[in-house]
Amino acid sequence: MGILESNGVDFATFQLEDKPRRWWHAYLLSRPAGSPPLTWNKFTHLFLEKYIPPFERDELWGQFERLRQGHMSITDYEARFIDLYCHATIILPTDVERVQRFIAGLHPEI
């Protein structure tokens, strides 16, 4: 599609309000002039670190690690996987690793 990854960061940060918006503006001001655009992974890491306490991140990471399709439909499994994998971007930084983890959680016969 030709959309830069940084456009996702721009779109997400445009929608921030109140404290998160002030945090984001302060972060931008703290960056050296000429810094490259933030990647989506870097932005989500910064945002989650700031707004989700470590104990919650640990719990969400555990849920991600234990996630298996079980009795869920593939669609439901995919939705839950997407909800949780943002907490694992540091451990699974590439699309290939995330796909491998997704497949590992599917029923073996799939």
C-alpha atoms as a PDB file:
ATOM      1  CA  MET A   1       0.000   0.000   0.000  1.00  0.00           C
ATOM      2  CA  GLY A   2       2.987   2.299   0.373  1.00  0.00           C
ATOM      3  CA  ILE A   3       2.005   3.661   3.794  1.00  0.00           C
ATOM      4  CA  LEU A   4       4.960   4.406   6.039  1.00  0.00           C
ATOM      5  CA  GLU A   5       5.001   2.753   9.441  1.00  0.00           C
ATOM      6  CA  SER A   6       5.472   6.163  11.040  1.00  0.00           C
ATOM      7  CA  ASN A   7       2.071   7.226   9.653  1.00  0.00           C
ATOM      8  CA  GLY A   8       0.499   4.781  12.117  1.00  0.00           C
ATOM      9  CA  VAL A   9       2.304   6.575  14.932  1.00  0.00           C
ATOM     10  CA  ASP A  10       1.104   9.935  13.614  1.00  0.00           C
ATOM     11  CA  PHE A  11      -2.467   8.665  13.343  1.00  0.00           C
ATOM     12  CA  ALA A  12      -2.461   7.135  16.849  1.00  0.00           C
ATOM     13  CA  THR A  13      -0.869  10.135  18.538  1.00  0.00           C
ATOM     14  CA  PHE A  14      -3.242  12.526  16.794  1.00  0.00           C
ATOM     15  CA  GLN A  15      -6.058  10.829  18.719  1.00  0.00           C
ATOM     16  CA  LEU A  16      -4.444  11.105  22.156  1.00  0.00           C
ATOM     17  CA  GLU A  17      -6.177  13.328  24.680  1.00  0.00           C
ATOM     18  CA  ASP A  18      -5.409  14.916  28.045  1.00  0.00           C
ATOM     19  CA  LYS A  19      -2.454  13.372  29.922  1.00  0.00           C
ATOM     20  CA  PRO A  20      -1.370  11.029  27.128  1.00  0.00           C
ATOM     21  CA  ARG A  21      -1.366  13.967  24.693  1.00  0.00           C
ATOM     22  CA  ARG A  22       0.770  16.061  27.073  1.00  0.00           C
ATOM     23  CA  TRP A  23       3.110  13.102  27.616  1.00  0.00           C
ATOM     24  CA  TRP A  24       3.507  12.671  23.850  1.00  0.00           C
ATOM     25  CA  HIS A  25       4.255  16.356  23.231  1.00  0.00           C
ATOM     26  CA  ALA A  26       6.823  16.354  26.054  1.00  0.00           C
ATOM     27  CA  TYR A  27       8.411  13.232  24.567  1.00  0.00           C
ATOM     28  CA  LEU A  28       8.648  14.845  21.122  1.00  0.00           C
ATOM     29  CA  LEU A  29      10.258  17.953  22.600  1.00  0.00           C
ATOM     30  CA  SER A  30      12.840  15.792  24.370  1.00  0.00           C
ATOM     31  CA  ARG A  31      14.024  14.154  21.132  1.00  0.00           C
ATOM     32  CA  PRO A  32      17.105  15.541  19.404  1.00  0.00           C
ATOM     33  CA  ALA A  33      16.481  17.627  16.286  1.00  0.00           C
ATOM     34  CA  GLY A  34      16.531  15.524  13.136  1.00  0.00           C
ATOM     35  CA  SER A  35      15.687  12.261  14.912  1.00  0.00           C
ATOM     36  CA  PRO A  36      14.200   9.625  12.615  1.00  0.00           C
ATOM     37  CA  PRO A  37      10.466   8.965  12.875  1.00  0.00           C
ATOM     38  CA  LEU A  38       9.441   6.534  15.594  1.00  0.00           C
ATOM     39  CA  THR A  39       8.528   3.027  14.522  1.00  0.00           C
ATOM     40  CA  TRP A  40       5.214   1.568  15.595  1.00  0.00           C
ATOM     41  CA  ASN A  41       7.012  -0.951  17.824  1.00  0.00           C
ATOM     42  CA  LYS A  42       8.978   1.799  19.577  1.00  0.00           C
ATOM     43  CA  PHE A  43       5.864   3.920  20.068  1.00  0.00           C
ATOM     44  CA  THR A  44       3.833   1.031  21.511  1.00  0.00           C
ATOM     45  CA  HIS A  45       6.732   0.100  23.784  1.00  0.00           C
ATOM     46  CA  LEU A  46       6.957   3.676  25.118  1.00  0.00           C
ATOM     47  CA  PHE A  47       3.188   4.016  25.490  1.00  0.00           C
ATOM     48  CA  LEU A  48       2.683   0.673  27.239  1.00  0.00           C
ATOM     49  CA  GLU A  49       5.638   1.348  29.520  1.00  0.00           C
ATOM     50  CA  LYS A  50       4.134   4.687  30.511  1.00  0.00           C
ATOM     51  CA  TYR A  51       0.464   3.744  30.906  1.00  0.00           C
ATOM     52  CA  ILE A  52       0.292   0.055  31.793  1.00  0.00           C
ATOM     53  CA  PRO A  53       1.849  -0.853  35.156  1.00  0.00           C
ATOM     54  CA  PRO A  54       4.495  -3.605  35.139  1.00  0.00           C
ATOM     55  CA  PHE A  55       2.288  -6.086  37.025  1.00  0.00           C
ATOM     56  CA  GLU A  56      -0.453  -5.697  34.395  1.00  0.00           C
ATOM     57  CA  ARG A  57       2.059  -6.089  31.565  1.00  0.00           C
ATOM     58  CA  ASP A  58       3.386  -9.239  33.242  1.00  0.00           C
ATOM     59  CA  GLU A  59      -0.155 -10.612  33.522  1.00  0.00           C
ATOM     60  CA  LEU A  60      -0.926  -9.785  29.888  1.00  0.00           C
ATOM     61  CA  TRP A  61       2.388 -11.298  28.778  1.00  0.00           C
ATOM     62  CA  GLY A  62       1.483 -14.473  30.705  1.00  0.00           C
ATOM     63  CA  GLN A  63      -1.921 -14.588  29.017  1.00  0.00           C
ATOM     64  CA  PHE A  64      -0.190 -14.230  25.658  1.00  0.00           C
ATOM     65  CA  GLU A  65       2.256 -17.025  26.451  1.00  0.00           C
ATOM     66  CA  ARG A  66      -0.566 -19.365  27.548  1.00  0.00           C
ATOM     67  CA  LEU A  67      -2.880 -18.453  24.668  1.00  0.00           C
ATOM     68  CA  ARG A  68      -4.033 -21.484  22.693  1.00  0.00           C
ATOM     69  CA  GLN A  69      -6.952 -21.811  20.315  1.00  0.00           C
ATOM     70  CA  GLY A  70      -8.674 -24.412  22.468  1.00  0.00           C
ATOM     71  CA  HIS A  71     -12.444 -24.190  21.879  1.00  0.00           C
ATOM     72  CA  MET A  72     -12.255 -20.784  20.175  1.00  0.00           C
ATOM     73  CA  SER A  73     -12.918 -20.313  16.491  1.00  0.00           C
ATOM     74  CA  ILE A  74      -9.903 -19.233  14.468  1.00  0.00           C
ATOM     75  CA  THR A  75     -11.445 -15.767  14.207  1.00  0.00           C
ATOM     76  CA  ASP A  76     -11.831 -15.495  17.989  1.00  0.00           C
ATOM     77  CA  TYR A  77      -8.312 -16.855  18.524  1.00  0.00           C
ATOM     78  CA  GLU A  78      -6.904 -14.328  16.059  1.00  0.00           C
ATOM     79  CA  ALA A  79      -8.741 -11.449  17.775  1.00  0.00           C
ATOM     80  CA  ARG A  80      -7.427 -12.481  21.208  1.00  0.00           C
ATOM     81  CA  PHE A  81      -3.923 -12.956  19.793  1.00  0.00           C
ATOM     82  CA  ILE A  82      -3.970  -9.428  18.359  1.00  0.00           C
ATOM     83  CA  ASP A  83      -5.276  -8.018  21.660  1.00  0.00           C
ATOM     84  CA  LEU A  84      -2.378  -9.590  23.542  1.00  0.00           C
ATOM     85  CA  TYR A  85       0.599  -9.527  21.185  1.00  0.00           C
ATOM     86  CA  CYS A  86       1.238  -5.822  21.572  1.00  0.00           C
ATOM     87  CA  HIS A  87       2.566  -6.750  25.019  1.00  0.00           C
ATOM     88  CA  ALA A  88       5.066  -9.115  23.434  1.00  0.00           C
ATOM     89  CA  THR A  89       6.570  -6.883  20.769  1.00  0.00           C
ATOM     90  CA  ILE A  90       9.933  -6.796  22.504  1.00  0.00           C
ATOM     91  CA  ILE A  91      10.105 -10.583  22.819  1.00  0.00           C
ATOM     92  CA  LEU A  92       8.613 -11.211  19.348  1.00  0.00           C
ATOM     93  CA  PRO A  93       9.803  -8.174  17.414  1.00  0.00           C
ATOM     94  CA  THR A  94       9.364  -9.486  13.885  1.00  0.00           C
ATOM     95  CA  ASP A  95       6.313 -10.503  11.899  1.00  0.00           C
ATOM     96  CA  VAL A  96       7.883 -13.919  11.264  1.00  0.00           C
ATOM     97  CA  GLU A  97       8.196 -14.579  14.998  1.00  0.00           C
ATOM     98  CA  ARG A  98       4.623 -13.445  15.651  1.00  0.00           C
ATOM     99  CA  VAL A  99       3.305 -15.672  12.852  1.00  0.00           C
ATOM    100  CA  GLN A 100       5.245 -18.626  14.246  1.00  0.00           C
ATOM    101  CA  ARG A 101       3.771 -17.979  17.713  1.00  0.00           C
ATOM    102  CA  PHE A 102       0.263 -17.660  16.243  1.00  0.00           C
ATOM    103  CA  ILE A 103       0.615 -20.973  14.416  1.00  0.00           C
ATOM    104  CA  ALA A 104       1.993 -22.668  17.528  1.00  0.00           C
ATOM    105  CA  GLY A 105      -1.231 -21.818  19.367  1.00  0.00           C
ATOM    106  CA  LEU A 106      -3.533 -23.310  16.738  1.00  0.00           C
ATOM    107  CA  HIS A 107      -5.014 -26.802  16.998  1.00  0.00           C
ATOM    108  CA  PRO A 108      -2.384 -29.273  15.796  1.00  0.00           C
ATOM    109  CA  GLU A 109      -4.670 -30.599  13.042  1.00  0.00           C
ATOM    110  CA  ILE A 110      -4.891 -27.114  11.508  1.00  0.00           C
END
